[in-house]
């Protein structure tokens, strides 16, 4: 008995002028086939109606487990207005990426990067579940005061992403006046 064989075929569906043939990042051109493969095509139906899209989109990235290519695709496809690094020690050693390359992508999409270190090694799940235990003024400003748009948050591990999601849902449900969606990228 032979195993079935999978053949990958490039999708040549028209883009209808929605995307150009590439993105220029500080002197280099990145062909569109290297950009986020999950970018919506004109002939592809969106999961959300345009009127139902949340006004605030938060993307939490677990930096210890994310592949560099996945991170680049997330930055290019979501175009965050701000990237807040909540790790205690900011390092960019993901496979398939480098600090310089990632910051070129931030610059290309117009993202603002800020380091707001949190002592994750001293925090527990309980700290994120009780009111007032964890307070991150920068997050409050970015998510509640500035509101609309996409914001990307860097945390060390996937369990930290879950803890932060709990905190953000509680904070936004009591303080935000707009709709939001929180996604994790691991």
N, C-alpha and C. Protein backbone atom coordinates (compact mmCIF):
# COMPACT_ATOMS: atom_id res chain seq x y z
N UNK A 1 0.84 -1.18 0.00
CA UNK A 1 0.00 0.00 0.00
C UNK A 1 0.89 1.24 0.00
N UNK A 2 0.61 2.15 -0.91
CA UNK A 2 1.42 3.37 -0.99
C UNK A 2 0.74 4.51 -0.24
N UNK A 3 1.55 5.39 0.26
CA UNK A 3 1.03 6.54 0.98
C UNK A 3 0.60 7.61 -0.02
N UNK A 4 -0.48 8.33 0.28
CA UNK A 4 -0.89 9.41 -0.62
C UNK A 4 0.18 10.51 -0.62
N UNK A 5 0.32 11.15 -1.75
CA UNK A 5 1.32 12.19 -1.90
C UNK A 5 0.64 13.54 -2.02
N UNK A 6 1.16 14.51 -1.30
CA UNK A 6 0.61 15.85 -1.29
C UNK A 6 1.48 16.73 -2.18
N UNK A 7 0.84 17.42 -3.12
CA UNK A 7 1.56 18.32 -4.01
C UNK A 7 1.11 19.74 -3.71
N UNK A 8 2.06 20.61 -3.43
CA UNK A 8 1.75 22.01 -3.16
C UNK A 8 1.74 22.79 -4.46
N UNK A 9 0.68 23.57 -4.65
CA UNK A 9 0.51 24.36 -5.86
C UNK A 9 0.33 25.81 -5.44
N UNK A 10 1.04 26.72 -6.09
CA UNK A 10 0.93 28.13 -5.75
C UNK A 10 -0.43 28.65 -6.19
N UNK A 11 -1.07 29.40 -5.31
CA UNK A 11 -2.35 30.01 -5.60
C UNK A 11 -2.10 31.21 -6.51
N UNK A 12 -2.60 31.15 -7.71
CA UNK A 12 -2.37 32.24 -8.66
C UNK A 12 -3.60 33.11 -8.82
N UNK A 13 -4.52 33.05 -7.84
CA UNK A 13 -5.73 33.87 -7.91
C UNK A 13 -5.37 35.34 -7.92
N UNK A 14 -6.18 36.12 -8.60
CA UNK A 14 -5.91 37.54 -8.73
C UNK A 14 -6.01 38.27 -7.41
N UNK A 15 -5.19 39.29 -7.27
CA UNK A 15 -5.25 40.10 -6.07
C UNK A 15 -6.07 41.35 -6.29
N UNK A 16 -6.46 41.62 -7.51
CA UNK A 16 -7.31 42.77 -7.79
C UNK A 16 -6.67 44.09 -7.43
N UNK A 17 -5.35 44.12 -7.40
CA UNK A 17 -4.67 45.36 -7.07
C UNK A 17 -4.64 45.68 -5.60
N UNK A 18 -5.09 44.74 -4.78
CA UNK A 18 -5.15 45.00 -3.34
C UNK A 18 -3.77 45.04 -2.73
N UNK A 19 -2.85 44.21 -3.20
CA UNK A 19 -1.49 44.18 -2.70
C UNK A 19 -0.53 44.46 -3.85
N UNK A 20 0.57 45.13 -3.57
CA UNK A 20 1.55 45.34 -4.62
C UNK A 20 2.45 44.11 -4.69
N UNK A 21 3.43 44.13 -5.55
CA UNK A 21 4.26 42.95 -5.77
C UNK A 21 5.32 42.75 -4.70
N UNK A 22 5.41 43.61 -3.75
CA UNK A 22 6.39 43.44 -2.70
C UNK A 22 6.39 44.62 -1.76
N UNK A 23 7.19 44.52 -0.74
CA UNK A 23 7.30 45.56 0.25
C UNK A 23 8.75 45.93 0.36
N UNK A 24 9.05 47.19 0.31
CA UNK A 24 10.43 47.64 0.39
C UNK A 24 10.79 47.87 1.85
N UNK A 25 11.82 47.18 2.31
CA UNK A 25 12.28 47.31 3.68
C UNK A 25 13.72 47.78 3.64
N UNK A 26 13.94 49.04 3.91
CA UNK A 26 15.26 49.67 4.00
C UNK A 26 16.20 49.17 2.90
N UNK A 27 15.86 49.49 1.68
CA UNK A 27 16.75 49.18 0.57
C UNK A 27 16.58 47.79 -0.03
N UNK A 28 15.86 46.89 0.62
CA UNK A 28 15.63 45.56 0.06
C UNK A 28 14.17 45.42 -0.29
N UNK A 29 13.92 44.67 -1.31
CA UNK A 29 12.56 44.40 -1.70
C UNK A 29 12.20 42.99 -1.26
N UNK A 30 11.06 42.86 -0.63
CA UNK A 30 10.59 41.55 -0.18
C UNK A 30 9.45 41.14 -1.10
N UNK A 31 9.65 40.09 -1.90
CA UNK A 31 8.57 39.66 -2.80
C UNK A 31 7.32 39.29 -2.00
N UNK A 32 6.17 39.49 -2.62
CA UNK A 32 4.92 39.24 -1.91
C UNK A 32 4.75 37.79 -1.51
N UNK A 33 5.42 36.85 -2.21
CA UNK A 33 5.26 35.45 -1.82
C UNK A 33 6.00 35.16 -0.52
N UNK A 34 6.88 36.06 -0.07
CA UNK A 34 7.53 35.90 1.22
C UNK A 34 6.79 36.63 2.32
N UNK A 35 5.80 37.42 1.96
CA UNK A 35 5.02 38.14 2.96
C UNK A 35 4.03 37.17 3.59
N UNK A 36 3.24 37.66 4.49
CA UNK A 36 2.30 36.81 5.22
C UNK A 36 1.43 36.02 4.26
N UNK A 37 1.56 34.71 4.34
CA UNK A 37 0.79 33.86 3.45
C UNK A 37 -0.68 33.84 3.83
N UNK A 38 -0.98 34.33 5.04
CA UNK A 38 -2.36 34.36 5.46
C UNK A 38 -3.04 35.68 5.09
N UNK A 39 -2.37 36.52 4.31
CA UNK A 39 -2.98 37.78 3.89
C UNK A 39 -4.24 37.48 3.09
N UNK A 40 -5.31 38.20 3.39
CA UNK A 40 -6.56 37.92 2.70
C UNK A 40 -6.48 38.29 1.23
N UNK A 41 -6.98 37.44 0.40
CA UNK A 41 -7.08 37.70 -1.03
C UNK A 41 -8.44 38.33 -1.31
N UNK A 42 -8.54 39.03 -2.40
CA UNK A 42 -9.78 39.70 -2.74
C UNK A 42 -10.92 38.70 -2.91
N UNK A 43 -10.61 37.54 -3.47
CA UNK A 43 -11.65 36.56 -3.72
C UNK A 43 -11.87 35.61 -2.55
N UNK A 44 -11.20 35.85 -1.43
CA UNK A 44 -11.36 35.03 -0.24
C UNK A 44 -12.29 35.74 0.73
N UNK A 45 -13.28 35.02 1.24
CA UNK A 45 -14.22 35.61 2.18
C UNK A 45 -13.54 35.81 3.53
N UNK A 46 -13.81 36.92 4.18
CA UNK A 46 -13.25 37.22 5.48
C UNK A 46 -14.16 36.61 6.54
N UNK A 47 -13.57 36.19 7.65
CA UNK A 47 -14.33 35.61 8.74
C UNK A 47 -15.25 36.65 9.37
N UNK A 48 -14.80 37.90 9.41
CA UNK A 48 -15.57 38.98 9.99
C UNK A 48 -16.07 39.91 8.90
N UNK A 49 -17.28 40.43 9.07
CA UNK A 49 -17.74 41.50 8.20
C UNK A 49 -16.95 42.75 8.55
N UNK A 50 -16.77 43.64 7.60
CA UNK A 50 -15.98 44.84 7.85
C UNK A 50 -16.58 45.67 8.99
N UNK A 51 -17.90 45.64 9.16
CA UNK A 51 -18.53 46.39 10.23
C UNK A 51 -18.37 45.71 11.58
N UNK A 52 -18.05 44.40 11.58
CA UNK A 52 -17.95 43.64 12.82
C UNK A 52 -16.51 43.52 13.33
N UNK A 53 -15.53 44.06 12.59
CA UNK A 53 -14.15 43.99 13.05
C UNK A 53 -14.00 44.78 14.34
N UNK A 54 -13.27 44.23 15.30
CA UNK A 54 -13.06 44.98 16.54
C UNK A 54 -12.20 46.22 16.28
N UNK A 55 -12.45 47.25 17.05
CA UNK A 55 -11.70 48.49 16.87
C UNK A 55 -10.28 48.37 17.43
N UNK A 56 -10.10 47.52 18.43
CA UNK A 56 -8.79 47.30 19.03
C UNK A 56 -8.42 45.83 18.86
N UNK A 57 -7.26 45.59 18.26
CA UNK A 57 -6.77 44.23 18.09
C UNK A 57 -5.45 44.11 18.84
N UNK A 58 -5.37 43.12 19.75
CA UNK A 58 -4.18 42.91 20.56
C UNK A 58 -3.60 41.54 20.18
N UNK A 59 -2.32 41.53 19.84
CA UNK A 59 -1.62 40.30 19.48
C UNK A 59 -0.53 40.05 20.51
N UNK A 60 -0.64 38.94 21.22
CA UNK A 60 0.35 38.59 22.24
C UNK A 60 1.26 37.51 21.66
N UNK A 61 2.56 37.80 21.62
CA UNK A 61 3.53 36.90 21.01
C UNK A 61 4.40 36.28 22.09
N UNK A 62 4.40 34.94 22.16
CA UNK A 62 5.30 34.21 23.07
C UNK A 62 6.64 34.06 22.36
N UNK A 63 7.58 34.90 22.72
CA UNK A 63 8.83 35.02 21.97
C UNK A 63 9.76 33.81 22.10
N UNK A 64 9.65 33.03 23.17
CA UNK A 64 10.53 31.86 23.32
C UNK A 64 10.17 30.74 22.35
N UNK A 65 8.94 30.72 21.87
CA UNK A 65 8.50 29.61 21.02
C UNK A 65 8.17 30.01 19.59
N UNK A 66 8.02 31.30 19.32
CA UNK A 66 7.62 31.72 17.97
C UNK A 66 8.81 31.62 17.01
N UNK A 67 8.53 31.19 15.81
CA UNK A 67 9.55 31.14 14.76
C UNK A 67 9.67 32.55 14.16
N UNK A 68 10.87 32.93 13.79
CA UNK A 68 11.10 34.26 13.24
C UNK A 68 10.24 34.58 12.04
N UNK A 69 10.04 33.61 11.17
CA UNK A 69 9.21 33.83 9.97
C UNK A 69 7.76 34.11 10.35
N UNK A 70 7.26 33.38 11.35
CA UNK A 70 5.90 33.60 11.82
C UNK A 70 5.76 35.00 12.41
N UNK A 71 6.77 35.43 13.14
CA UNK A 71 6.77 36.76 13.72
C UNK A 71 6.78 37.84 12.64
N UNK A 72 7.62 37.66 11.62
CA UNK A 72 7.67 38.63 10.52
C UNK A 72 6.33 38.70 9.81
N UNK A 73 5.72 37.55 9.56
CA UNK A 73 4.42 37.52 8.88
C UNK A 73 3.36 38.23 9.71
N UNK A 74 3.41 38.02 11.02
CA UNK A 74 2.43 38.67 11.90
C UNK A 74 2.58 40.18 11.87
N UNK A 75 3.81 40.67 11.88
CA UNK A 75 4.05 42.11 11.82
C UNK A 75 3.57 42.68 10.49
N UNK A 76 3.91 42.02 9.39
CA UNK A 76 3.53 42.54 8.07
C UNK A 76 2.03 42.48 7.84
N UNK A 77 1.37 41.44 8.29
CA UNK A 77 -0.06 41.32 8.00
C UNK A 77 -0.93 42.12 8.96
N UNK A 78 -0.49 42.33 10.20
CA UNK A 78 -1.31 43.04 11.18
C UNK A 78 -0.95 44.52 11.34
N UNK A 79 0.24 44.90 10.92
CA UNK A 79 0.70 46.29 10.96
C UNK A 79 0.37 46.97 12.30
N UNK A 80 0.98 46.50 13.39
CA UNK A 80 0.66 47.10 14.69
C UNK A 80 1.16 48.53 14.77
N UNK A 81 0.38 49.40 15.41
CA UNK A 81 0.82 50.79 15.60
C UNK A 81 1.89 50.85 16.68
N UNK A 82 1.81 49.92 17.66
CA UNK A 82 2.78 49.86 18.75
C UNK A 82 3.16 48.42 19.02
N UNK A 83 4.43 48.22 19.36
CA UNK A 83 4.94 46.92 19.80
C UNK A 83 5.53 47.16 21.18
N UNK A 84 4.94 46.52 22.19
CA UNK A 84 5.41 46.69 23.56
C UNK A 84 6.04 45.39 24.02
N UNK A 85 7.30 45.46 24.36
CA UNK A 85 8.07 44.30 24.80
C UNK A 85 7.99 44.22 26.32
N UNK A 86 7.27 43.23 26.83
CA UNK A 86 7.07 43.08 28.26
C UNK A 86 8.03 42.07 28.89
N UNK A 87 9.01 41.63 28.13
CA UNK A 87 9.96 40.65 28.66
C UNK A 87 10.94 41.33 29.60
N UNK A 88 11.44 40.57 30.56
CA UNK A 88 12.42 41.10 31.51
C UNK A 88 13.73 41.40 30.80
N UNK A 89 14.12 40.51 29.90
CA UNK A 89 15.34 40.70 29.10
C UNK A 89 14.94 40.58 27.63
N UNK A 90 15.04 41.67 26.91
CA UNK A 90 14.65 41.69 25.50
C UNK A 90 15.79 41.13 24.65
N UNK A 91 15.56 39.98 24.06
CA UNK A 91 16.53 39.41 23.12
C UNK A 91 15.77 38.89 21.91
N UNK A 92 16.43 38.91 20.79
CA UNK A 92 15.78 38.55 19.53
C UNK A 92 16.61 37.45 18.86
N UNK A 93 16.51 36.25 19.40
CA UNK A 93 17.30 35.14 18.88
C UNK A 93 16.43 34.01 18.33
N UNK A 94 15.28 34.38 17.78
CA UNK A 94 14.41 33.38 17.18
C UNK A 94 15.07 32.83 15.92
N UNK A 95 14.83 31.55 15.69
CA UNK A 95 15.31 30.94 14.46
C UNK A 95 14.62 31.63 13.29
N UNK A 96 15.37 32.01 12.28
CA UNK A 96 14.79 32.64 11.09
C UNK A 96 14.60 34.14 11.22
N UNK A 97 15.22 34.76 12.22
CA UNK A 97 15.06 36.19 12.42
C UNK A 97 16.31 36.77 13.05
N UNK A 98 16.35 38.08 13.10
CA UNK A 98 17.40 38.79 13.82
C UNK A 98 16.82 40.12 14.29
N UNK A 99 17.49 40.75 15.22
CA UNK A 99 17.03 42.03 15.74
C UNK A 99 16.93 43.06 14.61
N UNK A 100 17.97 43.15 13.78
CA UNK A 100 17.98 44.15 12.70
C UNK A 100 16.84 43.92 11.72
N UNK A 101 16.63 42.67 11.35
CA UNK A 101 15.57 42.36 10.38
C UNK A 101 14.19 42.70 10.96
N UNK A 102 13.97 42.33 12.22
CA UNK A 102 12.68 42.59 12.84
C UNK A 102 12.41 44.09 12.95
N UNK A 103 13.42 44.84 13.32
CA UNK A 103 13.23 46.28 13.44
C UNK A 103 13.06 46.95 12.08
N UNK A 104 13.59 46.36 11.02
CA UNK A 104 13.31 46.86 9.67
C UNK A 104 11.84 46.67 9.33
N UNK A 105 11.26 45.54 9.73
CA UNK A 105 9.84 45.30 9.50
C UNK A 105 9.00 46.30 10.31
N UNK A 106 9.39 46.55 11.57
CA UNK A 106 8.67 47.55 12.37
C UNK A 106 8.68 48.90 11.66
N UNK A 107 9.83 49.28 11.15
CA UNK A 107 9.97 50.57 10.47
C UNK A 107 9.13 50.60 9.19
N UNK A 108 9.11 49.49 8.46
CA UNK A 108 8.37 49.43 7.20
C UNK A 108 6.87 49.59 7.39
N UNK A 109 6.33 49.07 8.49
CA UNK A 109 4.89 49.16 8.72
C UNK A 109 4.52 50.32 9.64
N UNK A 110 5.54 51.07 10.11
CA UNK A 110 5.28 52.24 10.94
C UNK A 110 4.97 51.93 12.39
N UNK A 111 5.54 50.87 12.93
CA UNK A 111 5.31 50.49 14.32
C UNK A 111 6.28 51.20 15.26
N UNK A 112 5.78 51.53 16.44
CA UNK A 112 6.59 52.12 17.49
C UNK A 112 6.94 51.01 18.48
N UNK A 113 8.22 50.82 18.77
CA UNK A 113 8.67 49.78 19.70
C UNK A 113 9.01 50.40 21.04
N UNK A 114 8.54 49.76 22.13
CA UNK A 114 8.87 50.23 23.48
C UNK A 114 9.14 49.02 24.36
N UNK A 115 10.16 49.14 25.21
CA UNK A 115 10.49 48.10 26.18
C UNK A 115 9.91 48.50 27.52
N UNK A 116 9.05 47.65 28.06
CA UNK A 116 8.41 47.87 29.35
C UNK A 116 8.57 46.57 30.15
N UNK A 117 9.74 46.38 30.71
CA UNK A 117 10.09 45.11 31.37
C UNK A 117 9.18 44.79 32.54
N UNK A 118 8.81 43.52 32.62
CA UNK A 118 8.04 43.01 33.75
C UNK A 118 8.82 41.86 34.38
N UNK A 119 8.81 41.74 35.68
CA UNK A 119 9.53 40.65 36.36
C UNK A 119 8.72 39.34 36.33
N UNK A 120 8.66 38.71 35.18
CA UNK A 120 7.85 37.50 35.02
C UNK A 120 8.27 36.41 36.00
N UNK A 121 9.54 36.36 36.37
CA UNK A 121 10.03 35.34 37.29
C UNK A 121 9.46 35.51 38.70
N UNK A 122 8.95 36.70 39.03
CA UNK A 122 8.35 36.95 40.34
C UNK A 122 6.83 36.91 40.32
N UNK A 123 6.23 36.72 39.17
CA UNK A 123 4.77 36.77 39.04
C UNK A 123 4.18 35.37 38.93
N UNK A 124 2.97 35.22 39.44
CA UNK A 124 2.26 33.94 39.35
C UNK A 124 0.91 34.16 38.68
N UNK A 125 0.22 33.09 38.39
CA UNK A 125 -1.10 33.18 37.77
C UNK A 125 -2.04 33.97 38.67
N UNK A 126 -1.93 33.79 39.96
CA UNK A 126 -2.79 34.48 40.93
C UNK A 126 -2.65 36.00 40.80
N UNK A 127 -1.43 36.46 40.53
CA UNK A 127 -1.19 37.90 40.40
C UNK A 127 -2.01 38.52 39.26
N UNK A 128 -2.26 37.74 38.23
CA UNK A 128 -3.00 38.26 37.07
C UNK A 128 -4.50 38.12 37.24
N UNK A 129 -4.94 37.36 38.22
CA UNK A 129 -6.37 37.14 38.40
C UNK A 129 -6.99 38.08 39.42
N UNK A 130 -6.19 38.64 40.29
CA UNK A 130 -6.73 39.53 41.31
C UNK A 130 -6.56 40.97 40.89
N UNK A 131 -7.52 41.77 41.23
CA UNK A 131 -7.52 43.18 40.86
C UNK A 131 -6.41 43.92 41.60
N UNK A 132 -5.62 44.68 40.87
CA UNK A 132 -4.60 45.52 41.47
C UNK A 132 -3.25 44.88 41.71
N UNK A 133 -3.11 43.56 41.50
CA UNK A 133 -1.82 42.91 41.75
C UNK A 133 -0.80 43.27 40.69
N UNK A 134 -1.21 43.21 39.44
CA UNK A 134 -0.32 43.56 38.33
C UNK A 134 -0.87 44.83 37.69
N UNK A 135 0.00 45.81 37.56
CA UNK A 135 -0.40 47.04 36.90
C UNK A 135 0.69 47.43 35.92
N UNK A 136 0.28 47.60 34.68
CA UNK A 136 1.22 48.01 33.65
C UNK A 136 0.67 49.30 33.05
N UNK A 137 1.16 50.45 33.52
CA UNK A 137 0.61 51.74 33.04
C UNK A 137 0.72 51.91 31.53
N UNK A 138 1.78 51.40 30.94
CA UNK A 138 1.98 51.54 29.49
C UNK A 138 0.86 50.83 28.73
N UNK A 139 0.48 49.63 29.20
CA UNK A 139 -0.62 48.90 28.54
C UNK A 139 -1.94 49.67 28.68
N UNK A 140 -2.19 50.19 29.86
CA UNK A 140 -3.41 50.96 30.07
C UNK A 140 -3.46 52.14 29.10
N UNK A 141 -2.35 52.82 28.94
CA UNK A 141 -2.30 53.97 28.03
C UNK A 141 -2.53 53.54 26.57
N UNK A 142 -1.82 52.51 26.14
CA UNK A 142 -1.91 52.05 24.75
C UNK A 142 -3.28 51.48 24.41
N UNK A 143 -3.85 50.70 25.33
CA UNK A 143 -5.08 49.98 25.01
C UNK A 143 -6.35 50.76 25.37
N UNK A 144 -6.32 51.52 26.44
CA UNK A 144 -7.53 52.23 26.87
C UNK A 144 -7.53 53.67 26.38
N UNK A 145 -6.45 54.38 26.59
CA UNK A 145 -6.41 55.81 26.22
C UNK A 145 -6.32 56.00 24.71
N UNK A 146 -5.38 55.29 24.04
CA UNK A 146 -5.21 55.45 22.59
C UNK A 146 -6.26 54.66 21.82
N UNK A 147 -6.66 53.51 22.35
CA UNK A 147 -7.76 52.75 21.79
C UNK A 147 -7.53 52.10 20.45
N UNK A 148 -8.18 52.60 19.43
CA UNK A 148 -8.28 51.93 18.13
C UNK A 148 -6.94 51.57 17.51
N UNK A 149 -6.93 50.44 16.78
CA UNK A 149 -5.74 50.01 16.06
C UNK A 149 -5.26 48.65 16.53
N UNK A 150 -4.08 48.28 16.07
CA UNK A 150 -3.47 47.00 16.44
C UNK A 150 -2.26 47.25 17.33
N UNK A 151 -2.14 46.44 18.38
CA UNK A 151 -1.02 46.52 19.30
C UNK A 151 -0.46 45.11 19.47
N UNK A 152 0.86 44.99 19.41
CA UNK A 152 1.53 43.70 19.57
C UNK A 152 2.31 43.72 20.87
N UNK A 153 2.15 42.67 21.67
CA UNK A 153 2.82 42.56 22.96
C UNK A 153 3.74 41.35 22.95
N UNK A 154 4.98 41.52 23.39
CA UNK A 154 5.94 40.42 23.47
C UNK A 154 6.04 39.95 24.92
N UNK A 155 5.84 38.65 25.13
CA UNK A 155 6.03 38.02 26.44
C UNK A 155 6.99 36.85 26.26
N UNK A 156 7.61 36.35 27.35
CA UNK A 156 8.59 35.27 27.18
C UNK A 156 7.99 33.93 26.76
N UNK A 157 6.98 33.43 27.47
CA UNK A 157 6.51 32.06 27.28
C UNK A 157 5.00 32.01 26.98
N UNK A 158 4.53 30.90 26.41
CA UNK A 158 3.09 30.77 26.13
C UNK A 158 2.22 30.88 27.39
N UNK A 159 2.68 30.37 28.54
CA UNK A 159 1.88 30.50 29.76
C UNK A 159 1.77 31.96 30.20
N UNK A 160 2.79 32.76 29.90
CA UNK A 160 2.70 34.19 30.20
C UNK A 160 1.68 34.87 29.28
N UNK A 161 1.59 34.39 28.06
CA UNK A 161 0.59 34.92 27.13
C UNK A 161 -0.82 34.66 27.65
N UNK A 162 -1.05 33.47 28.19
CA UNK A 162 -2.36 33.14 28.76
C UNK A 162 -2.65 34.00 29.99
N UNK A 163 -1.66 34.19 30.84
CA UNK A 163 -1.84 35.02 32.03
C UNK A 163 -2.16 36.47 31.63
N UNK A 164 -1.45 36.97 30.65
CA UNK A 164 -1.67 38.35 30.19
C UNK A 164 -3.04 38.49 29.53
N UNK A 165 -3.48 37.47 28.80
CA UNK A 165 -4.81 37.50 28.18
C UNK A 165 -5.88 37.64 29.24
N UNK A 166 -5.76 36.90 30.34
CA UNK A 166 -6.71 36.99 31.45
C UNK A 166 -6.75 38.41 32.00
N UNK A 167 -5.58 38.97 32.24
CA UNK A 167 -5.47 40.33 32.76
C UNK A 167 -6.09 41.34 31.80
N UNK A 168 -5.76 41.24 30.52
CA UNK A 168 -6.25 42.22 29.54
C UNK A 168 -7.76 42.14 29.36
N UNK A 169 -8.30 40.93 29.33
CA UNK A 169 -9.76 40.80 29.20
C UNK A 169 -10.47 41.44 30.38
N UNK A 170 -9.94 41.23 31.59
CA UNK A 170 -10.54 41.85 32.78
C UNK A 170 -10.40 43.37 32.72
N UNK A 171 -9.20 43.86 32.38
CA UNK A 171 -8.97 45.31 32.33
C UNK A 171 -9.83 45.98 31.26
N UNK A 172 -9.86 45.39 30.07
CA UNK A 172 -10.61 46.01 28.97
C UNK A 172 -12.11 45.94 29.19
N UNK A 173 -12.59 44.89 29.83
CA UNK A 173 -14.03 44.78 30.05
C UNK A 173 -14.53 45.83 31.04
N UNK A 174 -13.66 46.33 31.91
CA UNK A 174 -14.10 47.35 32.86
C UNK A 174 -13.77 48.76 32.40
N UNK A 175 -12.78 48.93 31.52
CA UNK A 175 -12.32 50.28 31.18
C UNK A 175 -12.46 50.68 29.72
N UNK A 176 -12.47 49.74 28.82
CA UNK A 176 -12.49 50.08 27.39
C UNK A 176 -13.90 50.45 26.94
N UNK A 177 -13.98 51.41 26.07
CA UNK A 177 -15.26 51.85 25.53
C UNK A 177 -15.44 51.41 24.08
N UNK A 178 -14.51 50.57 23.59
CA UNK A 178 -14.56 50.09 22.21
C UNK A 178 -14.50 48.57 22.22
N UNK A 179 -14.76 47.98 21.06
CA UNK A 179 -14.67 46.52 20.95
C UNK A 179 -13.22 46.10 20.78
N UNK A 180 -12.88 44.89 21.22
CA UNK A 180 -11.50 44.41 21.11
C UNK A 180 -11.48 42.91 20.85
N UNK A 181 -10.32 42.48 20.38
CA UNK A 181 -10.05 41.05 20.18
C UNK A 181 -8.61 40.81 20.56
N UNK A 182 -8.36 39.74 21.32
CA UNK A 182 -7.02 39.38 21.75
C UNK A 182 -6.66 38.05 21.10
N UNK A 183 -5.51 38.01 20.44
CA UNK A 183 -5.03 36.78 19.80
C UNK A 183 -3.63 36.47 20.31
N UNK A 184 -3.32 35.18 20.39
CA UNK A 184 -1.99 34.75 20.80
C UNK A 184 -1.24 34.18 19.60
N UNK A 185 0.02 34.55 19.48
CA UNK A 185 0.89 34.04 18.43
C UNK A 185 2.02 33.30 19.13
N UNK A 186 2.03 31.99 18.96
CA UNK A 186 3.06 31.17 19.65
C UNK A 186 3.89 30.40 18.66
